[in-house]
Amino acid sequence: MTRVLVVEDDPQLVRALVINMQARRYGVDAAPDGATALRLAAACQPDVVMLDLGLPDMDGVDVIRALRGWTRAPILVLSARRASEEKVVALDAGADDYVTKPFSMDELMARLRAAVRRTEETPLAPERTLVETDEFVIDLRAKKVARGDREVRLTRGSSPRAGDPQGPFHDTSAGPLQPHRTALLGAPLTASPTACRARCQHRVSVRRKPVSIPS
């Protein structure tokens, strides 16, 4: 199910958007301000964001810039701001579409479908799907880890303990995992390559002992 994060402080408009999107089988989360939106975005990983620019705690453009620091999810701006300059600022900040209020619900739903289609049809660039280190390679699209020409078998732990350095992913091929290996495997394989690479490099720099991940 496609999940949409609606960032809007008008409760009547939020209710109308939620009803219309749920009727079309979208999952919907709603945030009344920018701070809540950023927390929900990090927790729920929405597929699309619908964003009002006139939020009570911060400007919507700042929310766009914050989201673009880590997600490629399409951002559809819904705003009463009609000036061309303001549209340009929002689009340059990272918005994918701009709809002025008042708007047709049918047109908005069509724009939402188009945004979802573009996301599904646009593959990640090769450099964004592979994270390479001196010790191993992570394929984010396939969700696989390989050392040399051997694939490392990973399973999701059934009930990871809070603070467990192994995190949710475990290497089943080699008994107890060492901390510098499990810290990497604890990162979601859907995380960005930059985040994974930074985690890898940090752990390898902390412990220079060669990583051993047998098949």
C-alpha atoms as a PDB file:
ATOM      1  CA  MET A   1       0.000   0.000   0.000  1.00  0.00           C
ATOM      2  CA  THR A   2       1.313   3.440  -0.932  1.00  0.00           C
ATOM      3  CA  ARG A   3       1.672   5.637   2.151  1.00  0.00           C
ATOM      4  CA  VAL A   4       1.124   9.386   1.984  1.00  0.00           C
ATOM      5  CA  LEU A   5       2.171  11.881   4.639  1.00  0.00           C
ATOM      6  CA  VAL A   6      -0.138  14.918   4.703  1.00  0.00           C
ATOM      7  CA  VAL A   7       1.410  17.997   6.326  1.00  0.00           C
ATOM      8  CA  GLU A   8      -1.392  20.515   6.801  1.00  0.00           C
ATOM      9  CA  ASP A   9      -2.696  22.567   9.739  1.00  0.00           C
ATOM     10  CA  ASP A  10      -6.272  22.954   8.444  1.00  0.00           C
ATOM     11  CA  PRO A  11      -8.215  20.070  10.063  1.00  0.00           C
ATOM     12  CA  GLN A  12     -11.112  20.263   7.593  1.00  0.00           C
ATOM     13  CA  LEU A  13      -8.776  19.989   4.607  1.00  0.00           C
ATOM     14  CA  VAL A  14      -6.871  17.154   6.288  1.00  0.00           C
ATOM     15  CA  ARG A  15     -10.139  15.279   6.841  1.00  0.00           C
ATOM     16  CA  ALA A  16     -11.135  15.700   3.189  1.00  0.00           C
ATOM     17  CA  LEU A  17      -7.721  14.516   1.979  1.00  0.00           C
ATOM     18  CA  VAL A  18      -7.699  11.503   4.303  1.00  0.00           C
ATOM     19  CA  ILE A  19     -11.207  10.417   3.259  1.00  0.00           C
ATOM     20  CA  ASN A  20     -10.441  10.747  -0.456  1.00  0.00           C
ATOM     21  CA  MET A  21      -7.097   8.961  -0.288  1.00  0.00           C
ATOM     22  CA  GLN A  22      -8.304   6.146   1.936  1.00  0.00           C
ATOM     23  CA  ALA A  23     -11.184   5.599  -0.489  1.00  0.00           C
ATOM     24  CA  ARG A  24      -8.514   5.077  -3.164  1.00  0.00           C
ATOM     25  CA  ARG A  25      -6.616   2.612  -0.937  1.00  0.00           C
ATOM     26  CA  TYR A  26      -3.770   4.889   0.127  1.00  0.00           C
ATOM     27  CA  GLY A  27      -2.409   4.702   3.637  1.00  0.00           C
ATOM     28  CA  VAL A  28      -2.407   8.171   5.187  1.00  0.00           C
ATOM     29  CA  ASP A  29      -0.558   9.803   8.076  1.00  0.00           C
ATOM     30  CA  ALA A  30      -1.205  13.435   9.005  1.00  0.00           C
ATOM     31  CA  ALA A  31       0.951  16.062  10.706  1.00  0.00           C
ATOM     32  CA  PRO A  32      -0.276  19.539  11.738  1.00  0.00           C
ATOM     33  CA  ASP A  33       3.175  21.160  11.779  1.00  0.00           C
ATOM     34  CA  GLY A  34       6.688  20.826  10.448  1.00  0.00           C
ATOM     35  CA  ALA A  35       8.311  19.250  13.499  1.00  0.00           C
ATOM     36  CA  THR A  36       5.685  16.514  13.666  1.00  0.00           C
ATOM     37  CA  ALA A  37       6.023  15.979   9.924  1.00  0.00           C
ATOM     38  CA  LEU A  38       9.756  15.371  10.159  1.00  0.00           C
ATOM     39  CA  ARG A  39       9.304  12.924  13.035  1.00  0.00           C
ATOM     40  CA  LEU A  40       6.577  11.017  11.192  1.00  0.00           C
ATOM     41  CA  ALA A  41       8.580  10.971   7.970  1.00  0.00           C
ATOM     42  CA  ALA A  42      11.537   9.393   9.748  1.00  0.00           C
ATOM     43  CA  ALA A  43       9.336   6.851  11.522  1.00  0.00           C
ATOM     44  CA  CYS A  44       6.895   5.918   8.728  1.00  0.00           C
ATOM     45  CA  GLN A  45       9.039   6.382   5.579  1.00  0.00           C
ATOM     46  CA  PRO A  46       6.167   7.710   3.400  1.00  0.00           C
ATOM     47  CA  ASP A  47       6.102   7.071  -0.345  1.00  0.00           C
ATOM     48  CA  VAL A  48       4.737  10.576  -1.042  1.00  0.00           C
ATOM     49  CA  VAL A  49       4.532  13.787   0.986  1.00  0.00           C
ATOM     50  CA  MET A  50       1.746  16.385   0.552  1.00  0.00           C
ATOM     51  CA  LEU A  51       2.932  19.597   2.151  1.00  0.00           C
ATOM     52  CA  ASP A  52       1.405  22.978   2.951  1.00  0.00           C
ATOM     53  CA  LEU A  53       3.935  25.804   3.038  1.00  0.00           C
ATOM     54  CA  GLY A  54       2.170  27.910   5.680  1.00  0.00           C
ATOM     55  CA  LEU A  55       2.805  25.797   8.775  1.00  0.00           C
ATOM     56  CA  PRO A  56       2.491  27.150  12.340  1.00  0.00           C
ATOM     57  CA  ASP A  57       6.015  26.326  13.495  1.00  0.00           C
ATOM     58  CA  MET A  58       8.210  26.630  10.400  1.00  0.00           C
ATOM     59  CA  ASP A  59       8.064  27.442   6.722  1.00  0.00           C
ATOM     60  CA  GLY A  60       7.200  24.511   4.475  1.00  0.00           C
ATOM     61  CA  VAL A  61      10.264  25.196   2.341  1.00  0.00           C
ATOM     62  CA  ASP A  62      12.444  24.374   5.358  1.00  0.00           C
ATOM     63  CA  VAL A  63      10.582  21.082   5.728  1.00  0.00           C
ATOM     64  CA  ILE A  64      11.292  20.308   2.060  1.00  0.00           C
ATOM     65  CA  ARG A  65      14.999  20.984   2.532  1.00  0.00           C
ATOM     66  CA  ALA A  66      15.105  18.813   5.657  1.00  0.00           C
ATOM     67  CA  LEU A  67      13.369  15.910   3.901  1.00  0.00           C
ATOM     68  CA  ARG A  68      15.626  16.178   0.878  1.00  0.00           C
ATOM     69  CA  GLY A  69      18.591  15.595   3.134  1.00  0.00           C
ATOM     70  CA  TRP A  70      17.721  11.885   3.289  1.00  0.00           C
ATOM     71  CA  THR A  71      14.695  10.925   1.163  1.00  0.00           C
ATOM     72  CA  ARG A  72      13.776  10.939  -2.521  1.00  0.00           C
ATOM     73  CA  ALA A  73      10.044  10.540  -1.885  1.00  0.00           C
ATOM     74  CA  PRO A  74       7.995  12.850  -4.132  1.00  0.00           C
ATOM     75  CA  ILE A  75       6.842  16.063  -2.419  1.00  0.00           C
ATOM     76  CA  LEU A  76       3.609  17.687  -3.622  1.00  0.00           C
ATOM     77  CA  VAL A  77       3.173  21.225  -2.340  1.00  0.00           C
ATOM     78  CA  LEU A  78      -0.387  22.368  -1.526  1.00  0.00           C
ATOM     79  CA  SER A  79      -0.341  26.097  -0.922  1.00  0.00           C
ATOM     80  CA  ALA A  80      -2.326  29.314  -1.198  1.00  0.00           C
ATOM     81  CA  ARG A  81       0.872  31.086  -2.256  1.00  0.00           C
ATOM     82  CA  ARG A  82       0.426  31.916  -5.905  1.00  0.00           C
ATOM     83  CA  ALA A  83       3.448  34.108  -6.650  1.00  0.00           C
ATOM     84  CA  SER A  84       5.757  32.653  -9.270  1.00  0.00           C
ATOM     85  CA  GLU A  85       8.821  33.397  -7.147  1.00  0.00           C
ATOM     86  CA  GLU A  86       7.458  31.375  -4.231  1.00  0.00           C
ATOM     87  CA  LYS A  87       6.728  28.424  -6.494  1.00  0.00           C
ATOM     88  CA  VAL A  88      10.274  28.573  -7.847  1.00  0.00           C
ATOM     89  CA  VAL A  89      11.736  28.598  -4.329  1.00  0.00           C
ATOM     90  CA  ALA A  90       9.732  25.527  -3.312  1.00  0.00           C
ATOM     91  CA  LEU A  91      10.568  23.603  -6.482  1.00  0.00           C
ATOM     92  CA  ASP A  92      14.254  24.503  -6.244  1.00  0.00           C
ATOM     93  CA  ALA A  93      14.274  23.340  -2.612  1.00  0.00           C
ATOM     94  CA  GLY A  94      13.235  19.869  -3.772  1.00  0.00           C
ATOM     95  CA  ALA A  95       9.451  19.826  -4.319  1.00  0.00           C
ATOM     96  CA  ASP A  96       8.285  17.714  -7.272  1.00  0.00           C
ATOM     97  CA  ASP A  97       4.947  19.422  -7.915  1.00  0.00           C
ATOM     98  CA  TYR A  98       3.078  22.546  -6.811  1.00  0.00           C
ATOM     99  CA  VAL A  99      -0.710  22.798  -6.496  1.00  0.00           C
ATOM    100  CA  THR A 100      -2.346  26.094  -5.532  1.00  0.00           C
ATOM    101  CA  LYS A 101      -5.377  26.284  -3.243  1.00  0.00           C
ATOM    102  CA  PRO A 102      -8.252  25.941  -3.823  1.00  0.00           C
ATOM    103  CA  PHE A 103      -7.786  22.870  -5.997  1.00  0.00           C
ATOM    104  CA  SER A 104      -9.820  20.121  -7.613  1.00  0.00           C
ATOM    105  CA  MET A 105      -9.628  16.892  -5.626  1.00  0.00           C
ATOM    106  CA  ASP A 106      -9.715  14.871  -8.859  1.00  0.00           C
ATOM    107  CA  GLU A 107      -6.758  16.829 -10.234  1.00  0.00           C
ATOM    108  CA  LEU A 108      -4.821  16.397  -6.984  1.00  0.00           C
ATOM    109  CA  MET A 109      -5.432  12.630  -7.019  1.00  0.00           C
ATOM    110  CA  ALA A 110      -4.241  12.512 -10.647  1.00  0.00           C
ATOM    111  CA  ARG A 111      -1.059  14.348  -9.663  1.00  0.00           C
ATOM    112  CA  LEU A 112      -0.589  11.927  -6.780  1.00  0.00           C
ATOM    113  CA  ARG A 113      -0.915   8.934  -9.103  1.00  0.00           C
ATOM    114  CA  ALA A 114       1.585  10.507 -11.493  1.00  0.00           C
ATOM    115  CA  ALA A 115       4.081  11.064  -8.665  1.00  0.00           C
ATOM    116  CA  VAL A 116       3.774   7.438  -7.556  1.00  0.00           C
ATOM    117  CA  ARG A 117       4.213   6.238 -11.154  1.00  0.00           C
ATOM    118  CA  ARG A 118       7.363   8.273 -11.629  1.00  0.00           C
ATOM    119  CA  THR A 119       8.820   6.832  -8.450  1.00  0.00           C
ATOM    120  CA  GLU A 120       8.056   3.265  -9.521  1.00  0.00           C
ATOM    121  CA  GLU A 121       9.404   3.774 -13.041  1.00  0.00           C
ATOM    122  CA  THR A 122      12.637   5.553 -12.088  1.00  0.00           C
ATOM    123  CA  PRO A 123      15.293   3.065 -10.930  1.00  0.00           C
ATOM    124  CA  LEU A 124      17.984   4.092  -8.510  1.00  0.00           C
ATOM    125  CA  ALA A 125      21.274   4.960 -10.152  1.00  0.00           C
ATOM    126  CA  PRO A 126      23.833   2.114  -9.862  1.00  0.00           C
ATOM    127  CA  GLU A 127      25.987   4.109  -7.471  1.00  0.00           C
ATOM    128  CA  ARG A 128      22.974   4.443  -5.144  1.00  0.00           C
ATOM    129  CA  THR A 129      22.203   0.731  -5.064  1.00  0.00           C
ATOM    130  CA  LEU A 130      25.664  -0.578  -4.161  1.00  0.00           C
ATOM    131  CA  VAL A 131      27.704   0.246  -1.082  1.00  0.00           C
ATOM    132  CA  GLU A 132      31.282  -0.959  -1.442  1.00  0.00           C
ATOM    133  CA  THR A 133      33.986  -1.205   1.216  1.00  0.00           C
ATOM    134  CA  ASP A 134      37.371  -2.925   1.273  1.00  0.00           C
ATOM    135  CA  GLU A 135      35.767  -5.893   3.047  1.00  0.00           C
ATOM    136  CA  PHE A 136      32.307  -6.415   1.515  1.00  0.00           C
ATOM    137  CA  VAL A 137      29.602  -5.091  -0.822  1.00  0.00           C
ATOM    138  CA  ILE A 138      25.964  -4.329   0.090  1.00  0.00           C
ATOM    139  CA  ASP A 139      23.369  -4.489  -2.691  1.00  0.00           C
ATOM    140  CA  LEU A 140      20.539  -2.257  -1.428  1.00  0.00           C
ATOM    141  CA  ARG A 141      18.135  -3.225  -4.210  1.00  0.00           C
ATOM    142  CA  ALA A 142      18.600  -6.976  -3.744  1.00  0.00           C
ATOM    143  CA  LYS A 143      19.123  -6.612   0.037  1.00  0.00           C
ATOM    144  CA  LYS A 144      22.219  -8.814  -0.056  1.00  0.00           C
ATOM    145  CA  VAL A 145      25.705  -8.659   1.436  1.00  0.00           C
ATOM    146  CA  ALA A 146      28.674 -10.274  -0.310  1.00  0.00           C
ATOM    147  CA  ARG A 147      32.317 -10.796   0.581  1.00  0.00           C
ATOM    148  CA  GLY A 148      34.320 -11.444  -2.556  1.00  0.00           C
ATOM    149  CA  ASP A 149      32.259 -13.839  -4.673  1.00  0.00           C
ATOM    150  CA  ARG A 150      30.478 -15.339  -1.651  1.00  0.00           C
ATOM    151  CA  GLU A 151      27.082 -14.203  -0.419  1.00  0.00           C
ATOM    152  CA  VAL A 152      26.566 -13.702   3.309  1.00  0.00           C
ATOM    153  CA  ARG A 153      23.330 -15.258   4.539  1.00  0.00           C
ATOM    154  CA  LEU A 154      21.333 -12.853   6.699  1.00  0.00           C
ATOM    155  CA  THR A 155      18.176 -13.459   8.692  1.00  0.00           C
ATOM    156  CA  ARG A 156      16.005 -11.080  10.656  1.00  0.00           C
ATOM    157  CA  GLY A 157      16.139 -11.714  14.400  1.00  0.00           C
ATOM    158  CA  SER A 158      12.764 -12.753  15.779  1.00  0.00           C
ATOM    159  CA  SER A 159      12.939 -10.642  18.949  1.00  0.00           C
ATOM    160  CA  PRO A 160      16.001  -8.375  19.114  1.00  0.00           C
ATOM    161  CA  ARG A 161      16.679  -6.952  22.558  1.00  0.00           C
ATOM    162  CA  ALA A 162      16.863  -3.228  23.117  1.00  0.00           C
ATOM    163  CA  GLY A 163      20.456  -2.175  22.729  1.00  0.00           C
ATOM    164  CA  ASP A 164      21.394  -5.468  21.066  1.00  0.00           C
ATOM    165  CA  PRO A 165      24.466  -4.633  18.903  1.00  0.00           C
ATOM    166  CA  GLN A 166      23.371  -7.254  16.402  1.00  0.00           C
ATOM    167  CA  GLY A 167      20.255  -5.259  15.556  1.00  0.00           C
ATOM    168  CA  PRO A 168      17.548  -6.848  13.415  1.00  0.00           C
ATOM    169  CA  PHE A 169      19.852  -8.602  10.930  1.00  0.00           C
ATOM    170  CA  HIS A 170      22.104 -11.551  11.732  1.00  0.00           C
ATOM    171  CA  ASP A 171      24.770 -13.391   9.793  1.00  0.00           C
ATOM    172  CA  THR A 172      23.757 -17.049  10.128  1.00  0.00           C
ATOM    173  CA  SER A 173      26.903 -18.356   8.536  1.00  0.00           C
ATOM    174  CA  ALA A 174      29.484 -17.834  11.251  1.00  0.00           C
ATOM    175  CA  GLY A 175      28.359 -18.165  14.870  1.00  0.00           C
ATOM    176  CA  PRO A 176      28.630 -15.181  17.247  1.00  0.00           C
ATOM    177  CA  LEU A 177      29.063 -11.875  15.470  1.00  0.00           C
ATOM    178  CA  GLN A 178      31.699  -9.359  16.445  1.00  0.00           C
ATOM    179  CA  PRO A 179      30.585  -5.822  17.375  1.00  0.00           C
ATOM    180  CA  HIS A 180      32.197  -4.133  14.395  1.00  0.00           C
ATOM    181  CA  ARG A 181      30.310  -6.485  12.058  1.00  0.00           C
ATOM    182  CA  THR A 182      26.953  -6.424  13.774  1.00  0.00           C
ATOM    183  CA  ALA A 183      26.898  -2.617  13.901  1.00  0.00           C
ATOM    184  CA  LEU A 184      26.803  -2.618  10.115  1.00  0.00           C
ATOM    185  CA  LEU A 185      24.291  -5.441   9.824  1.00  0.00           C
ATOM    186  CA  GLY A 186      22.083  -3.673  12.323  1.00  0.00           C
ATOM    187  CA  ALA A 187      21.519  -0.867   9.817  1.00  0.00           C
ATOM    188  CA  PRO A 188      18.429  -1.361   7.629  1.00  0.00           C
ATOM    189  CA  LEU A 189      19.397  -2.531   4.178  1.00  0.00           C
ATOM    190  CA  THR A 190      16.969   0.066   2.832  1.00  0.00           C
ATOM    191  CA  ALA A 191      19.068   2.840   4.339  1.00  0.00           C
ATOM    192  CA  SER A 192      20.840   5.223   2.020  1.00  0.00           C
ATOM    193  CA  PRO A 193      24.227   4.186   0.611  1.00  0.00           C
ATOM    194  CA  THR A 194      25.818   7.236   2.223  1.00  0.00           C
ATOM    195  CA  ALA A 195      24.538   6.252   5.653  1.00  0.00           C
ATOM    196  CA  CYS A 196      25.619   2.628   5.233  1.00  0.00           C
ATOM    197  CA  ARG A 197      29.039   3.616   3.913  1.00  0.00           C
ATOM    198  CA  ALA A 198      29.586   6.046   6.786  1.00  0.00           C
ATOM    199  CA  ARG A 199      28.640   3.351   9.301  1.00  0.00           C
ATOM    200  CA  CYS A 200      30.949   0.845   7.609  1.00  0.00           C
ATOM    201  CA  GLN A 201      33.910   3.211   7.474  1.00  0.00           C
ATOM    202  CA  HIS A 202      33.424   4.304  11.072  1.00  0.00           C
ATOM    203  CA  ARG A 203      33.386   0.740  12.384  1.00  0.00           C
ATOM    204  CA  VAL A 204      36.338  -0.352  10.265  1.00  0.00           C
ATOM    205  CA  SER A 205      38.349   2.668  11.451  1.00  0.00           C
ATOM    206  CA  VAL A 206      37.558   1.860  15.077  1.00  0.00           C
ATOM    207  CA  ARG A 207      38.732  -1.726  14.732  1.00  0.00           C
ATOM    208  CA  ARG A 208      41.309  -2.381  12.068  1.00  0.00           C
ATOM    209  CA  LYS A 209      41.072  -6.115  12.565  1.00  0.00           C
ATOM    210  CA  PRO A 210      39.997  -7.655   9.211  1.00  0.00           C
ATOM    211  CA  VAL A 211      36.326  -8.447   9.006  1.00  0.00           C
ATOM    212  CA  SER A 212      35.597 -12.129   8.523  1.00  0.00           C
ATOM    213  CA  ILE A 213      32.169 -13.015   7.147  1.00  0.00           C
ATOM    214  CA  PRO A 214      32.364 -16.586   5.835  1.00  0.00           C
ATOM    215  CA  SER A 215      29.621 -18.033   3.683  1.00  0.00           C
END
